[in-house]
Amino acid sequence: MSTLQFYIRHNANFLRDKFILVFKSDEARDYFEQALKGSHFEEVSSSQAEHAARIGINGKIISYGYTTRLTEKEMKQLSTMDWEKTAALLAEGNERLYQEAIAK
């Protein structure tokens, strides 16, 4: 899990002002930081991201973002009960989204 990068994305102008984002490459992270104008990325540890996913921040639920590139089978595997697997899937989904974006 040490190769994954964990962030809380903050942006008061979005419907969800906070998201948990997991990346497996600097390039994908840099792309998201550039694409999400006005956002602040706060680097957190895996356990802090897991904690936010399980119980939220300041009483608000914090979802993990951008799961649109995961398969239906992968989506069914997302669970805070198996954070390592979930984090790896989230990072993979973000990597796929990044790869599609740069291919365009």
N, C-alpha and C. Protein backbone atom coordinates (compact mmCIF):
# COMPACT_ATOMS: atom_id res chain seq x y z
N MET A 1 0.81 -1.20 0.00
CA MET A 1 0.00 0.00 0.00
C MET A 1 0.85 1.26 0.00
N SER A 2 2.12 1.13 0.28
CA SER A 2 2.98 2.30 0.41
C SER A 2 3.14 3.06 -0.90
N THR A 3 2.88 2.43 -2.05
CA THR A 3 3.02 3.14 -3.32
C THR A 3 1.82 4.00 -3.66
N LEU A 4 0.72 3.82 -2.97
CA LEU A 4 -0.47 4.62 -3.23
C LEU A 4 -0.37 5.96 -2.51
N GLN A 5 -0.98 6.97 -3.13
CA GLN A 5 -1.00 8.32 -2.57
C GLN A 5 -2.45 8.66 -2.20
N PHE A 6 -2.65 9.15 -1.00
CA PHE A 6 -3.98 9.44 -0.49
C PHE A 6 -4.17 10.94 -0.28
N TYR A 7 -5.30 11.45 -0.74
CA TYR A 7 -5.60 12.88 -0.62
C TYR A 7 -7.06 13.10 -0.27
N ILE A 8 -7.30 14.19 0.41
CA ILE A 8 -8.66 14.71 0.56
C ILE A 8 -8.71 15.93 -0.35
N ARG A 9 -9.63 15.91 -1.30
CA ARG A 9 -9.81 17.05 -2.18
C ARG A 9 -10.85 17.97 -1.57
N HIS A 10 -10.46 19.24 -1.35
CA HIS A 10 -11.34 20.25 -0.77
C HIS A 10 -11.73 21.24 -1.87
N ASN A 11 -13.01 21.53 -2.00
CA ASN A 11 -13.48 22.58 -2.90
C ASN A 11 -14.91 22.93 -2.52
N ALA A 12 -15.09 24.10 -1.95
CA ALA A 12 -16.41 24.53 -1.47
C ALA A 12 -17.38 24.78 -2.62
N ASN A 13 -16.90 24.87 -3.85
CA ASN A 13 -17.77 25.14 -4.99
C ASN A 13 -18.34 23.88 -5.62
N PHE A 14 -17.96 22.72 -5.13
CA PHE A 14 -18.48 21.46 -5.65
C PHE A 14 -19.59 20.94 -4.76
N LEU A 15 -20.48 20.13 -5.34
CA LEU A 15 -21.58 19.54 -4.58
C LEU A 15 -21.04 18.79 -3.36
N ARG A 16 -20.04 17.99 -3.57
CA ARG A 16 -19.33 17.31 -2.47
C ARG A 16 -18.06 18.11 -2.24
N ASP A 17 -18.02 18.86 -1.15
CA ASP A 17 -16.85 19.74 -0.94
C ASP A 17 -15.59 18.98 -0.59
N LYS A 18 -15.72 17.71 -0.19
CA LYS A 18 -14.55 16.88 0.12
C LYS A 18 -14.73 15.51 -0.53
N PHE A 19 -13.63 15.00 -1.04
CA PHE A 19 -13.59 13.67 -1.66
C PHE A 19 -12.30 13.00 -1.22
N ILE A 20 -12.32 11.71 -1.09
CA ILE A 20 -11.10 10.95 -0.88
C ILE A 20 -10.61 10.51 -2.26
N LEU A 21 -9.40 10.87 -2.58
CA LEU A 21 -8.80 10.47 -3.85
C LEU A 21 -7.56 9.64 -3.58
N VAL A 22 -7.40 8.58 -4.36
CA VAL A 22 -6.24 7.70 -4.22
C VAL A 22 -5.57 7.59 -5.59
N PHE A 23 -4.27 7.77 -5.62
CA PHE A 23 -3.53 7.73 -6.88
C PHE A 23 -2.37 6.75 -6.77
N LYS A 24 -2.03 6.18 -7.93
CA LYS A 24 -0.86 5.31 -7.95
C LYS A 24 0.26 5.91 -8.79
N SER A 25 0.02 7.10 -9.36
CA SER A 25 1.09 7.76 -10.11
C SER A 25 1.05 9.27 -9.87
N ASP A 26 2.22 9.87 -9.90
CA ASP A 26 2.30 11.33 -9.77
C ASP A 26 1.61 12.01 -10.94
N GLU A 27 1.71 11.41 -12.12
CA GLU A 27 1.12 12.00 -13.32
C GLU A 27 -0.39 12.10 -13.19
N ALA A 28 -1.03 11.06 -12.70
CA ALA A 28 -2.49 11.09 -12.52
C ALA A 28 -2.86 12.13 -11.48
N ARG A 29 -2.13 12.16 -10.38
CA ARG A 29 -2.41 13.16 -9.34
C ARG A 29 -2.26 14.57 -9.88
N ASP A 30 -1.17 14.81 -10.59
CA ASP A 30 -0.94 16.14 -11.16
C ASP A 30 -2.05 16.53 -12.13
N TYR A 31 -2.50 15.57 -12.94
CA TYR A 31 -3.60 15.84 -13.88
C TYR A 31 -4.86 16.28 -13.13
N PHE A 32 -5.22 15.54 -12.10
CA PHE A 32 -6.43 15.87 -11.33
C PHE A 32 -6.29 17.23 -10.65
N GLU A 33 -5.12 17.51 -10.12
CA GLU A 33 -4.90 18.82 -9.47
C GLU A 33 -5.09 19.96 -10.47
N GLN A 34 -4.63 19.77 -11.70
CA GLN A 34 -4.78 20.79 -12.73
C GLN A 34 -6.23 20.88 -13.23
N ALA A 35 -6.87 19.74 -13.39
CA ALA A 35 -8.22 19.69 -13.96
C ALA A 35 -9.29 20.20 -12.99
N LEU A 36 -9.08 20.02 -11.69
CA LEU A 36 -10.08 20.41 -10.70
C LEU A 36 -9.74 21.80 -10.17
N LYS A 37 -10.02 22.79 -10.98
CA LYS A 37 -9.68 24.18 -10.66
C LYS A 37 -10.30 24.61 -9.33
N GLY A 38 -9.51 25.33 -8.55
CA GLY A 38 -9.99 25.84 -7.27
C GLY A 38 -9.97 24.82 -6.14
N SER A 39 -9.46 23.64 -6.43
CA SER A 39 -9.41 22.59 -5.42
C SER A 39 -8.08 22.62 -4.68
N HIS A 40 -8.13 22.19 -3.45
CA HIS A 40 -6.93 22.02 -2.63
C HIS A 40 -6.81 20.54 -2.31
N PHE A 41 -5.66 19.97 -2.57
CA PHE A 41 -5.41 18.56 -2.28
C PHE A 41 -4.60 18.47 -0.99
N GLU A 42 -5.18 17.85 0.01
CA GLU A 42 -4.50 17.64 1.29
C GLU A 42 -4.01 16.20 1.35
N GLU A 43 -2.70 16.04 1.41
CA GLU A 43 -2.15 14.69 1.49
C GLU A 43 -2.43 14.12 2.87
N VAL A 44 -2.91 12.88 2.90
CA VAL A 44 -3.21 12.20 4.16
C VAL A 44 -2.64 10.79 4.09
N SER A 45 -2.59 10.15 5.22
CA SER A 45 -2.12 8.76 5.26
C SER A 45 -3.27 7.83 4.86
N SER A 46 -2.93 6.61 4.59
CA SER A 46 -3.94 5.61 4.28
C SER A 46 -4.95 5.48 5.42
N SER A 47 -4.45 5.46 6.64
CA SER A 47 -5.36 5.30 7.79
C SER A 47 -6.24 6.52 7.98
N GLN A 48 -5.73 7.73 7.68
CA GLN A 48 -6.57 8.92 7.77
C GLN A 48 -7.67 8.88 6.70
N ALA A 49 -7.32 8.45 5.50
CA ALA A 49 -8.31 8.33 4.43
C ALA A 49 -9.36 7.28 4.78
N GLU A 50 -8.91 6.17 5.33
CA GLU A 50 -9.84 5.12 5.75
C GLU A 50 -10.78 5.64 6.83
N HIS A 51 -10.23 6.35 7.79
CA HIS A 51 -11.03 6.92 8.88
C HIS A 51 -12.08 7.88 8.30
N ALA A 52 -11.68 8.73 7.37
CA ALA A 52 -12.63 9.68 6.75
C ALA A 52 -13.72 8.94 5.99
N ALA A 53 -13.36 7.85 5.32
CA ALA A 53 -14.36 7.07 4.58
C ALA A 53 -15.35 6.39 5.52
N ARG A 54 -14.85 5.95 6.66
CA ARG A 54 -15.72 5.23 7.60
C ARG A 54 -16.62 6.13 8.42
N ILE A 55 -16.08 7.25 8.94
CA ILE A 55 -16.89 8.05 9.85
C ILE A 55 -17.03 9.51 9.45
N GLY A 56 -16.36 9.92 8.37
CA GLY A 56 -16.52 11.28 7.88
C GLY A 56 -15.62 12.29 8.57
N ILE A 57 -15.87 13.55 8.24
CA ILE A 57 -15.12 14.67 8.81
C ILE A 57 -16.13 15.71 9.27
N ASN A 58 -16.02 16.12 10.51
CA ASN A 58 -16.93 17.12 11.08
C ASN A 58 -18.40 16.77 10.86
N GLY A 59 -18.71 15.51 11.03
CA GLY A 59 -20.09 15.06 10.91
C GLY A 59 -20.60 14.89 9.49
N LYS A 60 -19.75 15.12 8.49
CA LYS A 60 -20.15 14.96 7.10
C LYS A 60 -19.55 13.69 6.52
N ILE A 61 -20.35 12.99 5.74
CA ILE A 61 -19.86 11.80 5.05
C ILE A 61 -18.88 12.25 3.97
N ILE A 62 -17.76 11.56 3.89
CA ILE A 62 -16.76 11.85 2.86
C ILE A 62 -16.70 10.63 1.94
N SER A 63 -17.13 10.83 0.73
CA SER A 63 -17.13 9.71 -0.21
C SER A 63 -15.80 9.61 -0.93
N TYR A 64 -15.56 8.44 -1.52
CA TYR A 64 -14.38 8.35 -2.36
C TYR A 64 -14.84 8.68 -3.76
N GLY A 65 -14.05 9.48 -4.42
CA GLY A 65 -14.48 10.06 -5.68
C GLY A 65 -14.05 9.29 -6.91
N TYR A 66 -14.75 9.59 -7.98
CA TYR A 66 -14.40 9.16 -9.32
C TYR A 66 -14.25 7.65 -9.47
N THR A 67 -15.34 6.97 -9.29
CA THR A 67 -15.37 5.52 -9.46
C THR A 67 -15.96 5.14 -10.82
N THR A 68 -16.16 6.12 -11.69
CA THR A 68 -16.86 5.89 -12.96
C THR A 68 -16.13 4.95 -13.90
N ARG A 69 -14.84 4.76 -13.73
CA ARG A 69 -14.10 3.88 -14.63
C ARG A 69 -13.88 2.48 -14.05
N LEU A 70 -14.53 2.19 -12.96
CA LEU A 70 -14.46 0.84 -12.40
C LEU A 70 -15.56 -0.01 -13.01
N THR A 71 -15.29 -1.29 -13.17
CA THR A 71 -16.31 -2.20 -13.69
C THR A 71 -17.37 -2.44 -12.61
N GLU A 72 -18.48 -3.00 -13.02
CA GLU A 72 -19.54 -3.32 -12.07
C GLU A 72 -19.02 -4.31 -11.01
N LYS A 73 -18.23 -5.27 -11.45
CA LYS A 73 -17.65 -6.25 -10.53
C LYS A 73 -16.73 -5.55 -9.52
N GLU A 74 -15.91 -4.62 -9.99
CA GLU A 74 -15.00 -3.89 -9.11
C GLU A 74 -15.79 -3.01 -8.13
N MET A 75 -16.84 -2.38 -8.61
CA MET A 75 -17.67 -1.53 -7.74
C MET A 75 -18.23 -2.32 -6.56
N LYS A 76 -18.59 -3.56 -6.80
CA LYS A 76 -19.16 -4.41 -5.75
C LYS A 76 -18.11 -4.78 -4.69
N GLN A 77 -16.84 -4.61 -5.03
CA GLN A 77 -15.76 -4.94 -4.10
C GLN A 77 -15.37 -3.78 -3.19
N LEU A 78 -15.87 -2.57 -3.48
CA LEU A 78 -15.54 -1.41 -2.66
C LEU A 78 -16.17 -1.55 -1.28
N SER A 79 -15.35 -1.47 -0.26
CA SER A 79 -15.84 -1.60 1.11
C SER A 79 -14.80 -1.06 2.08
N THR A 80 -15.24 -0.29 3.03
CA THR A 80 -14.31 0.17 4.05
C THR A 80 -13.87 -0.99 4.95
N MET A 81 -14.52 -2.12 4.84
CA MET A 81 -14.12 -3.29 5.62
C MET A 81 -12.84 -3.92 5.06
N ASP A 82 -12.52 -3.64 3.79
CA ASP A 82 -11.28 -4.10 3.18
C ASP A 82 -10.64 -2.89 2.50
N TRP A 83 -10.06 -2.02 3.33
CA TRP A 83 -9.56 -0.74 2.85
C TRP A 83 -8.43 -0.90 1.84
N GLU A 84 -7.54 -1.88 2.02
CA GLU A 84 -6.43 -2.05 1.09
C GLU A 84 -6.94 -2.35 -0.31
N LYS A 85 -7.90 -3.23 -0.43
CA LYS A 85 -8.49 -3.57 -1.74
C LYS A 85 -9.22 -2.37 -2.31
N THR A 86 -9.99 -1.69 -1.48
CA THR A 86 -10.74 -0.52 -1.92
C THR A 86 -9.80 0.58 -2.41
N ALA A 87 -8.75 0.85 -1.67
CA ALA A 87 -7.79 1.89 -2.06
C ALA A 87 -7.14 1.54 -3.39
N ALA A 88 -6.77 0.28 -3.58
CA ALA A 88 -6.15 -0.14 -4.84
C ALA A 88 -7.13 0.03 -6.01
N LEU A 89 -8.38 -0.29 -5.79
CA LEU A 89 -9.39 -0.12 -6.84
C LEU A 89 -9.63 1.35 -7.15
N LEU A 90 -9.68 2.19 -6.13
CA LEU A 90 -9.87 3.63 -6.35
C LEU A 90 -8.71 4.20 -7.15
N ALA A 91 -7.49 3.80 -6.81
CA ALA A 91 -6.32 4.26 -7.54
C ALA A 91 -6.36 3.79 -8.99
N GLU A 92 -6.78 2.57 -9.20
CA GLU A 92 -6.89 2.03 -10.56
C GLU A 92 -7.94 2.79 -11.37
N GLY A 93 -9.07 3.09 -10.77
CA GLY A 93 -10.11 3.86 -11.46
C GLY A 93 -9.62 5.25 -11.84
N ASN A 94 -8.90 5.91 -10.94
CA ASN A 94 -8.36 7.24 -11.25
C ASN A 94 -7.30 7.16 -12.34
N GLU A 95 -6.51 6.11 -12.33
CA GLU A 95 -5.49 5.93 -13.36
C GLU A 95 -6.15 5.75 -14.73
N ARG A 96 -7.22 4.96 -14.79
CA ARG A 96 -7.95 4.76 -16.04
C ARG A 96 -8.54 6.07 -16.55
N LEU A 97 -9.13 6.84 -15.64
CA LEU A 97 -9.71 8.13 -16.02
C LEU A 97 -8.63 9.07 -16.56
N TYR A 98 -7.50 9.09 -15.91
CA TYR A 98 -6.36 9.91 -16.36
C TYR A 98 -5.89 9.46 -17.73
N GLN A 99 -5.72 8.17 -17.92
CA GLN A 99 -5.24 7.64 -19.21
C GLN A 99 -6.21 7.99 -20.35
N GLU A 100 -7.51 7.91 -20.08
CA GLU A 100 -8.51 8.29 -21.09
C GLU A 100 -8.41 9.76 -21.41
N ALA A 101 -8.21 10.59 -20.40
CA ALA A 101 -8.15 12.04 -20.60
C ALA A 101 -6.94 12.45 -21.44
N ILE A 102 -5.80 11.84 -21.18
CA ILE A 102 -4.61 12.24 -21.95
C ILE A 102 -4.62 11.64 -23.35
N ALA A 103 -5.38 10.58 -23.56
CA ALA A 103 -5.49 9.97 -24.87
C ALA A 103 -6.32 10.84 -25.83
N LYS A 104 -7.16 11.70 -25.27
CA LYS A 104 -8.04 12.55 -26.09
C LYS A 104 -7.30 13.72 -26.67
